[in-house]
Protein backbone atom coordinates (compact mmCIF):
# COMPACT_ATOMS: atom_id res chain seq x y z
CA MET A 1 37.02 1.31 -3.45
CA SER A 2 33.43 0.60 -2.59
CA SER A 3 31.17 -1.16 -4.99
CA SER A 4 28.54 0.85 -6.81
CA SER A 5 24.89 0.11 -7.30
CA GLN A 6 22.80 0.76 -10.41
CA LYS A 7 25.98 0.69 -12.46
CA VAL A 8 25.38 1.70 -16.06
CA THR A 9 26.87 -0.67 -18.63
CA PHE A 10 27.39 -0.39 -22.38
CA ASP A 11 26.65 -2.87 -25.16
CA ASN A 12 30.19 -3.17 -26.49
CA ARG A 13 29.09 -5.82 -28.96
CA ASP A 14 27.47 -3.01 -30.99
CA ASN A 15 29.55 -1.33 -33.71
CA ARG A 16 32.81 -2.97 -32.71
CA ASP A 17 34.13 -2.36 -36.23
CA PHE A 18 34.42 1.38 -35.61
CA ALA A 19 36.07 0.86 -32.23
CA THR A 20 38.59 -1.57 -33.69
CA ALA A 21 39.34 0.59 -36.72
CA VAL A 22 39.87 3.86 -34.89
CA LYS A 23 42.11 2.28 -32.23
CA THR A 24 44.17 0.44 -34.85
CA ARG A 25 44.62 3.49 -37.06
CA VAL A 26 45.70 5.76 -34.21
CA ASP A 27 48.12 3.10 -32.91
CA THR A 28 49.52 2.76 -36.44
CA TYR A 29 50.08 6.52 -36.63
CA PHE A 30 52.43 6.41 -33.65
CA LYS A 31 54.13 3.13 -34.61
CA GLU A 32 54.90 4.20 -38.19
CA ARG A 33 56.56 7.36 -36.92
CA GLY A 34 58.29 5.71 -33.98
CA MET A 35 56.65 8.29 -31.74
CA SER A 36 55.74 8.11 -28.07
CA LYS A 37 52.12 8.78 -27.15
CA HIS A 38 53.37 10.88 -24.26
CA ALA A 39 54.88 14.34 -23.88
CA ASN A 40 57.43 15.59 -26.41
CA GLY A 41 59.82 18.53 -26.33
CA ALA A 42 57.11 21.04 -27.18
CA MET A 43 55.01 19.80 -24.27
CA ILE A 44 57.92 20.15 -21.86
CA VAL A 45 58.58 23.72 -23.03
CA LYS A 46 54.90 24.55 -22.57
CA THR A 47 55.01 23.08 -19.07
CA LEU A 48 57.89 25.37 -18.12
CA VAL A 49 56.20 28.41 -19.67
CA LEU A 50 52.92 27.86 -17.83
CA PHE A 51 54.61 27.22 -14.49
CA GLY A 52 56.62 30.35 -15.11
CA LEU A 53 53.51 32.34 -15.93
CA TYR A 54 51.75 31.34 -12.71
CA PHE A 55 54.62 31.37 -10.22
CA GLY A 56 56.43 34.23 -11.96
CA SER A 57 53.42 36.51 -11.61
CA TYR A 58 53.01 35.32 -8.01
CA GLY A 59 56.65 36.15 -7.31
CA LEU A 60 56.27 39.64 -8.77
CA ILE A 61 53.22 40.24 -6.58
CA ILE A 62 54.94 39.01 -3.42
CA SER A 63 58.07 41.05 -4.16
CA GLY A 64 56.20 44.23 -3.30
CA LEU A 65 58.10 46.04 -6.05
CA LEU A 66 55.04 46.70 -8.21
CA PRO A 67 52.53 49.51 -7.88
CA LEU A 68 49.03 48.43 -6.84
CA TRP A 69 47.58 48.51 -10.35
CA ALA A 70 50.41 46.30 -11.67
CA MET A 71 49.92 43.83 -8.82
CA TRP A 72 46.27 43.60 -9.80
CA ALA A 73 47.25 43.02 -13.44
CA MET A 74 49.53 40.20 -12.29
CA CYS A 75 46.50 38.63 -10.57
CA PHE A 76 44.85 38.32 -13.99
CA VAL A 77 48.03 36.78 -15.39
CA MET A 78 48.20 34.41 -12.44
CA GLY A 79 44.60 33.33 -13.12
CA VAL A 80 45.44 32.68 -16.77
CA GLY A 81 48.46 30.64 -15.69
CA MET A 82 46.40 28.73 -13.14
CA ALA A 83 43.89 27.63 -15.79
CA GLY A 84 46.69 26.80 -18.22
CA ILE A 85 48.46 24.53 -15.72
CA GLY A 86 45.15 22.79 -15.01
CA PHE A 87 44.47 22.27 -18.72
CA SER A 88 47.89 21.40 -20.03
CA ILE A 89 49.85 19.84 -17.17
CA SER A 90 47.64 18.58 -14.33
CA HIS A 91 44.98 17.16 -16.65
CA ASP A 92 47.43 15.11 -18.72
CA ALA A 93 49.40 13.97 -15.69
CA LEU A 94 46.31 12.85 -13.75
CA HIS A 95 45.18 10.84 -16.78
CA GLY A 96 48.59 9.15 -16.90
CA ALA A 97 49.09 10.70 -20.33
CA TYR A 98 51.99 13.08 -19.70
CA SER A 99 54.63 10.39 -19.26
CA SER A 100 55.05 6.62 -19.45
CA ASN A 101 56.68 6.96 -16.02
CA LYS A 102 54.07 6.76 -13.26
CA ALA A 103 56.27 8.73 -10.86
CA VAL A 104 56.48 11.64 -13.32
CA ASN A 105 52.71 11.64 -13.70
CA ARG A 106 52.32 11.47 -9.94
CA TRP A 107 54.59 14.44 -9.25
CA LEU A 108 53.21 16.57 -12.09
CA GLY A 109 49.69 15.61 -10.99
CA LEU A 110 50.44 17.26 -7.66
CA SER A 111 50.43 20.56 -9.55
CA PHE A 112 46.65 20.25 -9.31
CA ASP A 113 46.89 20.09 -5.51
CA LEU A 114 49.34 22.98 -5.57
CA LEU A 115 46.61 25.05 -7.25
CA GLY A 116 44.28 24.35 -4.33
CA ALA A 117 42.29 21.45 -5.83
CA ASN A 118 42.62 17.72 -5.08
CA GLY A 119 43.97 15.32 -7.67
CA TYR A 120 42.63 12.18 -5.98
CA ILE A 121 39.01 13.41 -6.06
CA TRP A 122 39.49 14.69 -9.61
CA LYS A 123 40.60 11.25 -10.78
CA ILE A 124 37.40 9.77 -9.36
CA THR A 125 34.92 12.39 -10.54
CA HIS A 126 36.58 13.14 -13.88
CA ASN A 127 38.75 10.23 -15.02
CA VAL A 128 36.39 7.51 -13.84
CA ILE A 129 32.89 8.95 -13.52
CA HIS A 130 32.80 11.65 -16.20
CA HIS A 131 34.81 9.72 -18.78
CA THR A 132 32.76 6.56 -18.28
CA TYR A 133 29.27 8.04 -17.91
CA THR A 134 29.59 11.13 -20.11
CA ASN A 135 26.37 13.21 -20.18
CA ILE A 136 24.39 10.54 -18.32
CA HIS A 137 22.17 12.29 -15.79
CA GLY A 138 22.61 11.05 -12.23
CA HIS A 139 26.08 9.68 -12.97
CA ASP A 140 28.18 12.34 -14.70
CA GLU A 141 29.31 14.72 -11.94
CA ASP A 142 30.27 17.37 -14.51
CA LEU A 143 26.56 18.01 -15.08
CA GLU A 144 26.16 19.09 -11.44
CA VAL A 145 27.68 22.57 -11.54
CA ALA A 146 25.13 24.26 -9.28
CA PRO A 147 21.46 23.73 -8.31
CA PHE A 148 20.46 26.78 -10.38
CA ILE A 149 22.22 25.51 -13.54
CA ARG A 150 20.47 22.78 -15.56
CA LEU A 151 22.96 21.10 -17.90
CA SER A 152 20.87 18.04 -18.73
CA PRO A 153 17.32 17.81 -20.14
CA HIS A 154 16.73 15.02 -17.60
CA THR A 155 17.41 17.21 -14.56
CA ASP A 156 14.31 18.41 -12.69
CA HIS A 157 13.30 21.86 -13.88
CA HIS A 158 12.91 24.80 -11.48
CA TRP A 159 11.89 28.39 -12.11
CA ILE A 160 15.46 29.68 -11.63
CA HIS A 161 16.56 27.73 -14.69
CA ARG A 162 14.65 30.16 -16.92
CA VAL A 163 17.44 32.69 -16.37
CA GLN A 164 20.35 30.26 -16.22
CA HIS A 165 21.78 31.56 -19.50
CA VAL A 166 22.39 34.80 -17.57
CA LEU A 167 23.63 33.17 -14.36
CA ALA A 168 25.74 30.37 -15.82
CA PHE A 169 28.86 32.32 -16.74
CA ALA A 170 28.98 33.95 -13.30
CA ALA A 171 28.68 30.47 -11.78
CA TYR A 172 31.53 29.20 -13.96
CA SER A 173 33.68 32.08 -12.68
CA LEU A 174 33.32 30.78 -9.14
CA ALA A 175 34.44 27.27 -10.11
CA THR A 176 37.98 27.33 -8.71
CA PHE A 177 36.98 29.37 -5.64
CA PHE A 178 34.34 26.73 -4.85
CA TRP A 179 36.88 24.00 -5.57
CA VAL A 180 39.45 25.42 -3.16
CA PHE A 181 37.10 26.00 -0.24
CA VAL A 182 34.13 23.64 -0.65
CA LYS A 183 34.07 21.02 -3.41
CA ASP A 184 36.91 18.71 -2.35
CA TYR A 185 35.78 18.65 1.29
CA LYS A 186 32.21 18.00 0.17
CA TYR A 187 33.23 15.03 -1.98
CA PHE A 188 35.49 13.58 0.71
CA LEU A 189 32.67 13.78 3.27
CA GLN A 190 29.62 12.80 1.26
CA ARG A 191 28.48 9.20 1.49
CA ASP A 192 27.76 8.61 -2.21
CA LEU A 193 29.85 9.86 -5.11
CA GLY A 194 28.28 9.46 -8.53
CA PRO A 195 27.46 5.77 -8.94
CA TYR A 196 29.64 4.83 -5.95
CA LYS A 197 27.74 4.07 -2.76
CA ASP A 198 29.27 4.29 0.72
CA LYS A 199 32.52 5.53 -0.80
CA SER A 200 35.49 5.46 1.58
CA HIS A 201 38.88 7.10 1.06
CA PRO A 202 42.38 5.95 2.10
CA ALA A 203 43.87 7.67 5.15
CA SER A 204 46.84 8.75 3.04
CA GLU A 205 44.53 10.72 0.75
CA TRP A 206 43.01 12.50 3.75
CA VAL A 207 46.53 13.50 4.81
CA ILE A 208 47.39 14.75 1.32
CA LEU A 209 44.13 16.72 1.22
CA VAL A 210 44.83 18.49 4.51
CA VAL A 211 48.52 19.15 3.88
CA THR A 212 48.14 20.45 0.33
CA LYS A 213 45.17 22.64 1.24
CA LEU A 214 47.23 24.19 4.05
CA VAL A 215 50.12 24.75 1.65
CA TYR A 216 47.80 26.47 -0.80
CA TYR A 217 46.15 28.64 1.85
CA GLY A 218 49.60 29.43 3.17
CA TYR A 219 51.21 30.77 0.00
CA THR A 220 48.08 32.42 -1.47
CA ILE A 221 46.51 33.90 1.69
CA ALA A 222 48.87 33.93 4.69
CA VAL A 223 52.07 34.99 2.91
CA PRO A 224 50.56 37.93 0.96
CA LEU A 225 48.79 39.23 4.09
CA LEU A 226 52.01 38.98 6.10
CA VAL A 227 54.52 40.45 3.64
CA LEU A 228 52.52 42.97 1.61
CA ASP A 229 51.38 46.36 2.78
CA LEU A 230 47.76 45.81 1.71
CA ALA A 231 44.37 46.34 3.32
CA TRP A 232 42.39 43.12 3.67
CA TRP A 233 39.93 44.28 1.02
CA GLN A 234 42.72 44.99 -1.45
CA PHE A 235 44.05 41.48 -0.93
CA LEU A 236 40.54 40.06 -1.37
CA ILE A 237 40.11 41.85 -4.71
CA GLY A 238 43.36 40.34 -5.95
CA PHE A 239 42.56 36.85 -4.65
CA LEU A 240 39.12 36.93 -6.27
CA THR A 241 40.61 38.23 -9.51
CA VAL A 242 42.86 35.17 -9.74
CA HIS A 243 39.97 32.78 -9.13
CA LEU A 244 37.33 34.54 -11.21
CA THR A 245 39.75 34.61 -14.16
CA ALA A 246 40.77 30.96 -13.84
CA GLY A 247 37.23 29.80 -13.04
CA LEU A 248 35.64 31.47 -16.05
CA ILE A 249 38.27 30.08 -18.43
CA LEU A 250 38.07 26.55 -17.03
CA GLY A 251 34.28 26.52 -16.71
CA VAL A 252 33.57 27.71 -20.24
CA ILE A 253 36.13 25.46 -21.93
CA PHE A 254 34.84 22.28 -20.27
CA GLN A 255 31.18 23.07 -21.06
CA LEU A 256 31.89 23.58 -24.77
CA ALA A 257 32.83 19.93 -25.05
CA HIS A 258 29.59 18.35 -23.85
CA VAL A 259 26.76 20.87 -23.38
CA VAL A 260 26.19 22.18 -26.89
CA GLU A 261 23.41 21.67 -29.40
CA GLU A 262 24.86 18.66 -31.19
CA THR A 263 25.76 16.52 -28.19
CA GLU A 264 23.31 13.98 -26.78
CA HIS A 265 22.16 13.13 -23.25
CA PRO A 266 21.20 9.45 -23.46
CA GLU A 267 19.42 7.57 -20.70
CA PRO A 268 20.03 3.93 -19.76
CA ASN A 269 17.26 1.43 -20.42
CA ALA A 270 15.41 -0.53 -17.74
CA ASP A 271 18.45 -2.80 -17.35
CA ASP A 272 20.74 0.22 -16.71
CA GLU A 273 22.38 -0.32 -20.07
CA ILE A 274 23.29 2.11 -22.84
CA ALA A 275 22.48 0.10 -25.95
CA GLU A 276 25.60 1.04 -27.91
CA HIS A 277 29.37 0.68 -27.76
CA TRP A 278 31.10 2.89 -25.20
CA LEU A 279 33.18 4.57 -27.93
CA ILE A 280 30.02 5.41 -29.89
CA HIS A 281 28.52 6.89 -26.72
CA GLN A 282 31.59 9.12 -26.42
CA MET A 283 31.18 10.28 -30.01
CA ARG A 284 27.52 11.17 -29.46
CA THR A 285 28.11 13.08 -26.22
CA THR A 286 31.29 14.99 -27.07
CA ALA A 287 32.23 17.86 -29.39
CA ASN A 288 35.39 19.52 -30.67
CA PHE A 289 35.80 23.23 -31.35
CA ALA A 290 38.24 25.73 -32.85
CA ARG A 291 40.56 23.03 -34.19
CA ASP A 292 42.53 25.51 -36.31
CA ASN A 293 43.12 27.97 -33.47
CA LYS A 294 46.81 27.42 -32.72
CA PHE A 295 46.79 29.50 -29.54
CA LEU A 296 43.87 27.56 -28.05
CA ASN A 297 45.46 24.27 -29.09
CA TRP A 298 48.56 25.29 -27.17
CA TYR A 299 46.99 26.93 -24.14
CA ILE A 300 44.12 24.58 -23.25
CA GLY A 301 46.04 21.38 -23.71
CA GLY A 302 44.09 20.14 -26.71
CA LEU A 303 40.81 20.20 -24.80
CA ASN A 304 39.20 21.65 -27.89
CA PHE A 305 39.88 18.14 -29.24
CA GLN A 306 37.65 16.53 -26.63
CA ILE A 307 36.58 13.71 -28.95
CA GLU A 308 40.15 12.51 -29.27
CA HIS A 309 40.68 13.01 -25.55
CA HIS A 310 37.65 10.89 -24.62
CA LEU A 311 38.65 8.12 -27.02
CA PHE A 312 42.34 8.21 -26.08
CA PRO A 313 42.65 9.76 -22.60
CA ARG A 314 46.10 8.25 -22.05
CA VAL A 315 47.54 9.94 -25.15
CA CYS A 316 49.19 13.27 -24.36
CA SER A 317 47.14 16.24 -25.51
CA VAL A 318 50.00 17.58 -27.61
CA HIS A 319 49.20 14.86 -30.17
CA TYR A 320 45.45 15.49 -30.51
CA PRO A 321 45.61 17.87 -33.50
CA ALA A 322 47.58 15.25 -35.44
CA ILE A 323 45.31 12.27 -34.71
CA ALA A 324 42.03 14.22 -35.08
CA PRO A 325 41.86 13.80 -38.90
CA ILE A 326 42.29 10.04 -38.43
CA VAL A 327 39.42 9.90 -35.94
CA GLU A 328 37.17 12.13 -38.05
CA ARG A 329 37.84 10.18 -41.25
CA THR A 330 37.11 6.88 -39.49
CA ALA A 331 33.92 8.27 -37.96
CA ARG A 332 32.65 9.43 -41.37
CA GLU A 333 33.52 6.06 -42.88
CA PHE A 334 31.47 4.18 -40.27
CA ASP A 335 28.64 6.76 -40.19
CA VAL A 336 29.42 7.70 -36.60
CA PRO A 337 28.78 11.31 -35.40
CA TYR A 338 31.78 13.65 -35.25
CA ASN A 339 30.55 16.85 -33.65
CA VAL A 340 32.60 19.98 -34.23
CA HIS A 341 32.31 23.77 -34.10
CA GLU A 342 34.82 25.44 -36.34
CA THR A 343 35.41 28.46 -34.09
CA PHE A 344 35.49 29.21 -30.38
CA SER A 345 32.76 31.84 -30.66
CA GLU A 346 30.52 29.42 -32.56
CA ALA A 347 30.88 26.90 -29.73
CA VAL A 348 30.13 29.53 -27.06
CA ARG A 349 26.99 30.60 -28.92
CA SER A 350 25.88 26.98 -29.17
CA HIS A 351 26.40 26.49 -25.44
CA TYR A 352 24.46 29.68 -24.71
CA ARG A 353 21.53 28.50 -26.86
CA THR A 354 21.64 25.12 -25.11
CA LEU A 355 21.47 26.84 -21.72
CA LYS A 356 18.40 28.74 -22.89
CA ARG A 357 16.78 25.55 -24.20
CA PHE A 358 17.46 23.60 -21.00
CA GLY A 359 16.13 26.59 -19.09
CA ARG A 360 12.65 25.87 -20.42
CA PRO A 361 10.49 23.21 -18.68
CA ASN A 362 10.45 20.95 -21.74
CA GLY A 363 13.87 21.92 -23.01
């Protein structure tokens, strides 16, 4: 890995009491119950269900037994399954949170590549860059969705941003399509990646990129065109349906965690330092939502508990609802922000209002 320049640092001497307390209390929760921080039986069942949802709907489409309208419906289901695998399986595995066994995490992490994305690049842009430099303009790659979407008040303003609250959700819908055909190649080829300068990649990762992309293009494009009696435009509608469905779900869920009214967008000082503890920075830049929504808790892999995820990324998401009260109670005790929207719709409205605010020149 290349060295980075202008690396932002955090003053971890500040508010160490909160950091110590919250880590100790969460560790105690697992120790007292003799519980693993990794996947449990419920997580394994969910893994099987989501794989079944995605590949089962794919199998029904490829079988050619369904009428055209049912095949199209299965494309929606496949998109839902695609997002669910990304949320609940790939995400945990790539963080090393699914299992204590690195090989298990490695193989389950390849589910991300099987969906057409690249796990190696994701671990750099998400695990390292986003989780370290959350909401810091010029460092957090998750703030760079598209040139016409302004997700930070520190991004240069352009006239197109005035209507970004209209354009944003369409842009989110294209997320996985862009990922499959553009994003990974772009990141592999570009010289600088976030704070990393002159970033080089191992030859083995180039091989994995090429092979897994070909596998994905093979089973999602070549096979359907070869075995199904479809016009090219009918295939294209189905292919886009899968990606627009998955992209919208993924794009919206991830934005609700960091680009809402309560979250902050701090800037480093002249010494490239954030003058607070890294854990406090995570609390200020992250938000939870819909904590009591059991379906969302199950489907999106606890990503509505983003605070807990950012503090404990190597704890499996299945445990986030249980440790959230511990984190919230500790935050209140130490007068640390704990941002939360009680419902999904409330969080979406907050994100929409934030888009409108950032769409103004001084927003």
